[in-house]
């Protein structure tokens, strides 16, 4: 499983497919999912193997605990989250990855305003 922003392969050697993009000479994941590499099609103009990220799949290990196959972040874990709502006192976010591992089930986090 890969998370958005994770480097997958060198862009000189592999072509970016669905769910990926090229940044700083690397093919990078654009979505949470499973990274797959497929050989170039016979006779195709593009001879490099294709790297793509397919959505779906299970969670993994990490510092947080696991409940029903999904990671639960613990204090000190690094999470990747999508901000879904902001107001003057807090923001809501959907947690997508915990310590670089994709979560299987969507769950929310809340960050109170400091100060």
C-alpha atoms as a PDB file:
ATOM      1  CA  UNK A   1       0.000   0.000   0.000  1.00  0.00           C
ATOM      2  CA  UNK A   2       1.212   3.495  -0.797  1.00  0.00           C
ATOM      3  CA  UNK A   3       0.135   6.977   0.281  1.00  0.00           C
ATOM      4  CA  UNK A   4      -0.050  10.215  -1.722  1.00  0.00           C
ATOM      5  CA  UNK A   5       3.381  11.778  -2.128  1.00  0.00           C
ATOM      6  CA  UNK A   6       5.258   8.497  -1.732  1.00  0.00           C
ATOM      7  CA  UNK A   7       8.051   8.004  -4.295  1.00  0.00           C
ATOM      8  CA  UNK A   8       7.540   4.835  -6.305  1.00  0.00           C
ATOM      9  CA  UNK A   9      10.195   4.644  -9.067  1.00  0.00           C
ATOM     10  CA  UNK A  10      12.613   6.810 -11.076  1.00  0.00           C
ATOM     11  CA  UNK A  11      10.819   8.603 -13.926  1.00  0.00           C
ATOM     12  CA  UNK A  12      13.713   7.925 -16.327  1.00  0.00           C
ATOM     13  CA  UNK A  13      13.119   4.180 -16.031  1.00  0.00           C
ATOM     14  CA  UNK A  14       9.318   3.995 -15.523  1.00  0.00           C
ATOM     15  CA  UNK A  15       6.285   5.774 -17.039  1.00  0.00           C
ATOM     16  CA  UNK A  16       3.630   7.349 -14.781  1.00  0.00           C
ATOM     17  CA  UNK A  17       0.210   5.710 -15.086  1.00  0.00           C
ATOM     18  CA  UNK A  18      -3.168   6.144 -13.412  1.00  0.00           C
ATOM     19  CA  UNK A  19      -3.002   7.378  -9.814  1.00  0.00           C
ATOM     20  CA  UNK A  20       0.546   8.736 -10.193  1.00  0.00           C
ATOM     21  CA  UNK A  21       2.431  11.804 -11.376  1.00  0.00           C
ATOM     22  CA  UNK A  22       6.069  12.824 -11.927  1.00  0.00           C
ATOM     23  CA  UNK A  23       7.828  15.131  -9.445  1.00  0.00           C
ATOM     24  CA  UNK A  24      11.563  15.722  -9.036  1.00  0.00           C
ATOM     25  CA  UNK A  25      12.497  12.902 -11.434  1.00  0.00           C
ATOM     26  CA  UNK A  26      10.357  10.334  -9.550  1.00  0.00           C
ATOM     27  CA  UNK A  27       7.001   8.710 -10.237  1.00  0.00           C
ATOM     28  CA  UNK A  28       4.945   9.612  -7.150  1.00  0.00           C
ATOM     29  CA  UNK A  29       1.650   8.225  -5.803  1.00  0.00           C
ATOM     30  CA  UNK A  30      -1.303  10.616  -6.144  1.00  0.00           C
ATOM     31  CA  UNK A  31      -3.841   8.429  -4.293  1.00  0.00           C
ATOM     32  CA  UNK A  32      -3.923   5.801  -1.552  1.00  0.00           C
ATOM     33  CA  UNK A  33      -3.803   2.304  -2.977  1.00  0.00           C
ATOM     34  CA  UNK A  34      -1.675  -0.552  -4.248  1.00  0.00           C
ATOM     35  CA  UNK A  35       1.314   0.249  -6.487  1.00  0.00           C
ATOM     36  CA  UNK A  36       1.555  -1.931  -9.591  1.00  0.00           C
ATOM     37  CA  UNK A  37       4.141  -2.164 -12.343  1.00  0.00           C
ATOM     38  CA  UNK A  38       3.219  -3.543 -15.767  1.00  0.00           C
ATOM     39  CA  UNK A  39       5.521  -4.187 -18.699  1.00  0.00           C
ATOM     40  CA  UNK A  40       5.312  -1.956 -21.752  1.00  0.00           C
ATOM     41  CA  UNK A  41       2.927  -3.225 -24.406  1.00  0.00           C
ATOM     42  CA  UNK A  42       4.518  -5.008 -27.358  1.00  0.00           C
ATOM     43  CA  UNK A  43       5.152  -2.528 -30.183  1.00  0.00           C
ATOM     44  CA  UNK A  44       4.038   0.500 -28.108  1.00  0.00           C
ATOM     45  CA  UNK A  45       5.799   3.839 -28.560  1.00  0.00           C
ATOM     46  CA  UNK A  46       6.421   4.010 -24.784  1.00  0.00           C
ATOM     47  CA  UNK A  47       8.958   1.283 -23.959  1.00  0.00           C
ATOM     48  CA  UNK A  48       9.255   1.965 -20.220  1.00  0.00           C
ATOM     49  CA  UNK A  49       7.255  -0.184 -17.777  1.00  0.00           C
ATOM     50  CA  UNK A  50       4.124   1.554 -16.445  1.00  0.00           C
ATOM     51  CA  UNK A  51       3.706   2.368 -12.734  1.00  0.00           C
ATOM     52  CA  UNK A  52       0.154   2.952 -11.478  1.00  0.00           C
ATOM     53  CA  UNK A  53      -1.671   3.080  -8.162  1.00  0.00           C
ATOM     54  CA  UNK A  54      -4.945   1.183  -7.890  1.00  0.00           C
ATOM     55  CA  UNK A  55      -7.337   2.317  -5.151  1.00  0.00           C
ATOM     56  CA  UNK A  56      -8.540  -0.143  -2.527  1.00  0.00           C
ATOM     57  CA  UNK A  57      -6.846  -2.843  -0.480  1.00  0.00           C
ATOM     58  CA  UNK A  58      -6.025  -3.375   3.188  1.00  0.00           C
ATOM     59  CA  UNK A  59      -4.165  -1.578   5.939  1.00  0.00           C
ATOM     60  CA  UNK A  60      -0.827  -2.581   7.352  1.00  0.00           C
ATOM     61  CA  UNK A  61       1.429  -2.358  10.369  1.00  0.00           C
ATOM     62  CA  UNK A  62       2.673   0.779  12.035  1.00  0.00           C
ATOM     63  CA  UNK A  63       2.925   2.358  15.438  1.00  0.00           C
ATOM     64  CA  UNK A  64      -0.824   2.692  15.873  1.00  0.00           C
ATOM     65  CA  UNK A  65      -3.017  -0.214  16.889  1.00  0.00           C
ATOM     66  CA  UNK A  66      -5.144  -2.195  14.496  1.00  0.00           C
ATOM     67  CA  UNK A  67      -8.888  -2.662  14.770  1.00  0.00           C
ATOM     68  CA  UNK A  68     -10.684  -4.721  12.118  1.00  0.00           C
ATOM     69  CA  UNK A  69      -7.758  -4.440   9.687  1.00  0.00           C
ATOM     70  CA  UNK A  70      -7.550  -0.649   9.945  1.00  0.00           C
ATOM     71  CA  UNK A  71      -4.778   1.315  11.623  1.00  0.00           C
ATOM     72  CA  UNK A  72      -5.618   3.524  14.586  1.00  0.00           C
ATOM     73  CA  UNK A  73      -3.039   6.280  15.153  1.00  0.00           C
ATOM     74  CA  UNK A  74      -1.353   6.639  18.531  1.00  0.00           C
ATOM     75  CA  UNK A  75       0.295   9.704  20.088  1.00  0.00           C
ATOM     76  CA  UNK A  76       3.496  10.438  18.158  1.00  0.00           C
ATOM     77  CA  UNK A  77       2.423   8.695  14.930  1.00  0.00           C
ATOM     78  CA  UNK A  78       2.687  10.569  11.635  1.00  0.00           C
ATOM     79  CA  UNK A  79      -0.620  10.795   9.760  1.00  0.00           C
ATOM     80  CA  UNK A  80      -1.607  11.976   6.300  1.00  0.00           C
ATOM     81  CA  UNK A  81      -5.048  13.564   6.408  1.00  0.00           C
ATOM     82  CA  UNK A  82      -7.457  15.359   4.074  1.00  0.00           C
ATOM     83  CA  UNK A  83      -8.904  18.505   5.668  1.00  0.00           C
ATOM     84  CA  UNK A  84     -12.687  18.376   5.242  1.00  0.00           C
ATOM     85  CA  UNK A  85     -13.910  21.389   7.231  1.00  0.00           C
ATOM     86  CA  UNK A  86     -12.395  24.439   8.926  1.00  0.00           C
ATOM     87  CA  UNK A  87     -13.997  26.869  11.364  1.00  0.00           C
ATOM     88  CA  UNK A  88     -12.527  29.433  13.804  1.00  0.00           C
ATOM     89  CA  UNK A  89     -12.169  26.898  16.645  1.00  0.00           C
ATOM     90  CA  UNK A  90     -11.193  23.605  14.956  1.00  0.00           C
ATOM     91  CA  UNK A  91     -10.689  21.698  11.730  1.00  0.00           C
ATOM     92  CA  UNK A  92     -11.967  18.246  10.778  1.00  0.00           C
ATOM     93  CA  UNK A  93      -9.898  15.796   8.745  1.00  0.00           C
ATOM     94  CA  UNK A  94     -10.239  12.336   7.235  1.00  0.00           C
ATOM     95  CA  UNK A  95      -7.150  10.294   8.170  1.00  0.00           C
ATOM     96  CA  UNK A  96      -5.798   8.493   5.104  1.00  0.00           C
ATOM     97  CA  UNK A  97      -2.398   7.056   6.199  1.00  0.00           C
ATOM     98  CA  UNK A  98      -0.721   6.259   9.525  1.00  0.00           C
ATOM     99  CA  UNK A  99       3.099   6.086   9.537  1.00  0.00           C
ATOM    100  CA  UNK A 100       3.143   5.683   5.757  1.00  0.00           C
ATOM    101  CA  UNK A 101       0.601   2.840   5.723  1.00  0.00           C
ATOM    102  CA  UNK A 102      -2.825   3.326   4.154  1.00  0.00           C
ATOM    103  CA  UNK A 103      -5.822   2.891   6.444  1.00  0.00           C
ATOM    104  CA  UNK A 104      -8.562   0.542   5.286  1.00  0.00           C
ATOM    105  CA  UNK A 105     -11.510   2.263   6.972  1.00  0.00           C
ATOM    106  CA  UNK A 106     -12.078   6.001   6.785  1.00  0.00           C
ATOM    107  CA  UNK A 107     -12.169   7.781  10.131  1.00  0.00           C
ATOM    108  CA  UNK A 108     -12.021  11.384  11.250  1.00  0.00           C
ATOM    109  CA  UNK A 109      -9.710  13.461  13.385  1.00  0.00           C
ATOM    110  CA  UNK A 110     -10.275  16.862  14.966  1.00  0.00           C
ATOM    111  CA  UNK A 111      -7.609  19.485  15.645  1.00  0.00           C
ATOM    112  CA  UNK A 112      -8.605  22.174  18.179  1.00  0.00           C
ATOM    113  CA  UNK A 113      -7.339  25.696  17.657  1.00  0.00           C
ATOM    114  CA  UNK A 114      -4.308  26.480  19.780  1.00  0.00           C
ATOM    115  CA  UNK A 115      -3.828  29.791  21.568  1.00  0.00           C
END
